[in-house]
Amino acid sequence: MTEIDTGRRAGLTERYFYESFAGRDELLVAVPDRVVLTARDTLITALHTSPTEPHDLIRHVVRAFTDFI
């Protein structure tokens, strides 16, 4: 699969793909990076908004993460 095919499958125009990424390898690094950072932010937000009771805190954080997934 070429970079162009990858872009089309993702709904990106050829121009947008090449303005955003040097190639498919750069895209394949960027996607997991974005997922990890978003997961981290989700967990941090859940911790900041969680109840204080340990059982409820764990349930709240796990729920936030599973909703993210």
C-alpha atoms as a PDB file:
ATOM      1  CA  MET A   1       0.000   0.000   0.000  1.00  0.00           C
ATOM      2  CA  THR A   2       1.386   3.426  -0.927  1.00  0.00           C
ATOM      3  CA  GLU A   3       1.224   6.654   1.036  1.00  0.00           C
ATOM      4  CA  ILE A   4      -1.532   7.800  -1.329  1.00  0.00           C
ATOM      5  CA  ASP A   5      -3.608   4.673  -0.650  1.00  0.00           C
ATOM      6  CA  THR A   6      -3.091   5.154   3.098  1.00  0.00           C
ATOM      7  CA  GLY A   7      -4.288   8.755   2.826  1.00  0.00           C
ATOM      8  CA  ARG A   8      -7.343   7.829   0.818  1.00  0.00           C
ATOM      9  CA  ARG A   9      -8.343   5.134   3.307  1.00  0.00           C
ATOM     10  CA  ALA A  10      -8.030   7.718   6.091  1.00  0.00           C
ATOM     11  CA  GLY A  11     -10.100  10.246   4.146  1.00  0.00           C
ATOM     12  CA  LEU A  12      -7.160  12.593   3.534  1.00  0.00           C
ATOM     13  CA  THR A  13      -6.425  14.322   0.273  1.00  0.00           C
ATOM     14  CA  GLU A  14      -3.019  13.691  -1.279  1.00  0.00           C
ATOM     15  CA  ARG A  15      -2.047  17.306  -0.686  1.00  0.00           C
ATOM     16  CA  TYR A  16      -3.064  17.212   2.987  1.00  0.00           C
ATOM     17  CA  PHE A  17      -1.142  13.982   3.528  1.00  0.00           C
ATOM     18  CA  TYR A  18       2.107  15.354   2.120  1.00  0.00           C
ATOM     19  CA  GLU A  19       1.692  18.692   3.925  1.00  0.00           C
ATOM     20  CA  SER A  20       1.232  16.816   7.212  1.00  0.00           C
ATOM     21  CA  PHE A  21       3.631  13.870   6.881  1.00  0.00           C
ATOM     22  CA  ALA A  22       6.921  13.251   5.103  1.00  0.00           C
ATOM     23  CA  GLY A  23       5.688   9.754   4.267  1.00  0.00           C
ATOM     24  CA  ARG A  24       3.878   6.693   5.537  1.00  0.00           C
ATOM     25  CA  ASP A  25       6.534   5.931   8.162  1.00  0.00           C
ATOM     26  CA  GLU A  26       6.038   9.340   9.746  1.00  0.00           C
ATOM     27  CA  LEU A  27       2.276   8.748   9.803  1.00  0.00           C
ATOM     28  CA  LEU A  28       2.745   5.322  11.383  1.00  0.00           C
ATOM     29  CA  VAL A  29       4.764   6.926  14.188  1.00  0.00           C
ATOM     30  CA  ALA A  30       2.349   9.837  14.635  1.00  0.00           C
ATOM     31  CA  VAL A  31      -0.774   7.704  15.097  1.00  0.00           C
ATOM     32  CA  PRO A  32       0.378   5.694  18.139  1.00  0.00           C
ATOM     33  CA  ASP A  33       1.946   8.825  19.608  1.00  0.00           C
ATOM     34  CA  ARG A  34      -1.405  10.606  19.365  1.00  0.00           C
ATOM     35  CA  VAL A  35      -3.268   7.641  20.858  1.00  0.00           C
ATOM     36  CA  VAL A  36      -0.858   7.400  23.796  1.00  0.00           C
ATOM     37  CA  LEU A  37      -1.026  11.133  24.517  1.00  0.00           C
ATOM     38  CA  THR A  38      -4.814  11.155  24.311  1.00  0.00           C
ATOM     39  CA  ALA A  39      -5.027   8.125  26.616  1.00  0.00           C
ATOM     40  CA  ARG A  40      -2.711   9.885  29.075  1.00  0.00           C
ATOM     41  CA  ASP A  41      -4.840  13.032  28.999  1.00  0.00           C
ATOM     42  CA  THR A  42      -7.990  10.961  29.495  1.00  0.00           C
ATOM     43  CA  LEU A  43      -6.519   9.279  32.565  1.00  0.00           C
ATOM     44  CA  ILE A  44      -5.229  12.540  34.032  1.00  0.00           C
ATOM     45  CA  THR A  45      -8.619  14.171  33.591  1.00  0.00           C
ATOM     46  CA  ALA A  46     -10.304  11.149  35.173  1.00  0.00           C
ATOM     47  CA  LEU A  47      -7.964  11.371  38.160  1.00  0.00           C
ATOM     48  CA  HIS A  48      -8.680  15.073  38.602  1.00  0.00           C
ATOM     49  CA  THR A  49     -12.436  14.505  38.510  1.00  0.00           C
ATOM     50  CA  SER A  50     -12.575  11.242  40.436  1.00  0.00           C
ATOM     51  CA  PRO A  51     -14.271  10.575  43.765  1.00  0.00           C
ATOM     52  CA  THR A  52     -12.024  10.252  46.820  1.00  0.00           C
ATOM     53  CA  GLU A  53     -13.177   6.792  47.918  1.00  0.00           C
ATOM     54  CA  PRO A  54     -10.535   4.346  46.552  1.00  0.00           C
ATOM     55  CA  HIS A  55     -13.055   1.859  45.152  1.00  0.00           C
ATOM     56  CA  ASP A  56     -15.003   4.614  43.393  1.00  0.00           C
ATOM     57  CA  LEU A  57     -11.794   6.261  42.181  1.00  0.00           C
ATOM     58  CA  ILE A  58     -10.606   3.037  40.537  1.00  0.00           C
ATOM     59  CA  ARG A  59     -14.010   2.434  38.968  1.00  0.00           C
ATOM     60  CA  HIS A  60     -14.112   6.017  37.655  1.00  0.00           C
ATOM     61  CA  VAL A  61     -10.617   5.871  36.115  1.00  0.00           C
ATOM     62  CA  VAL A  62     -11.154   2.422  34.583  1.00  0.00           C
ATOM     63  CA  ARG A  63     -14.491   3.572  33.144  1.00  0.00           C
ATOM     64  CA  ALA A  64     -12.869   6.653  31.605  1.00  0.00           C
ATOM     65  CA  PHE A  65     -10.145   4.533  30.029  1.00  0.00           C
ATOM     66  CA  THR A  66     -12.510   1.883  28.695  1.00  0.00           C
ATOM     67  CA  ASP A  67     -14.743   4.601  27.259  1.00  0.00           C
ATOM     68  CA  PHE A  68     -11.655   6.007  25.550  1.00  0.00           C
ATOM     69  CA  ILE A  69     -10.774   2.624  24.098  1.00  0.00           C
END
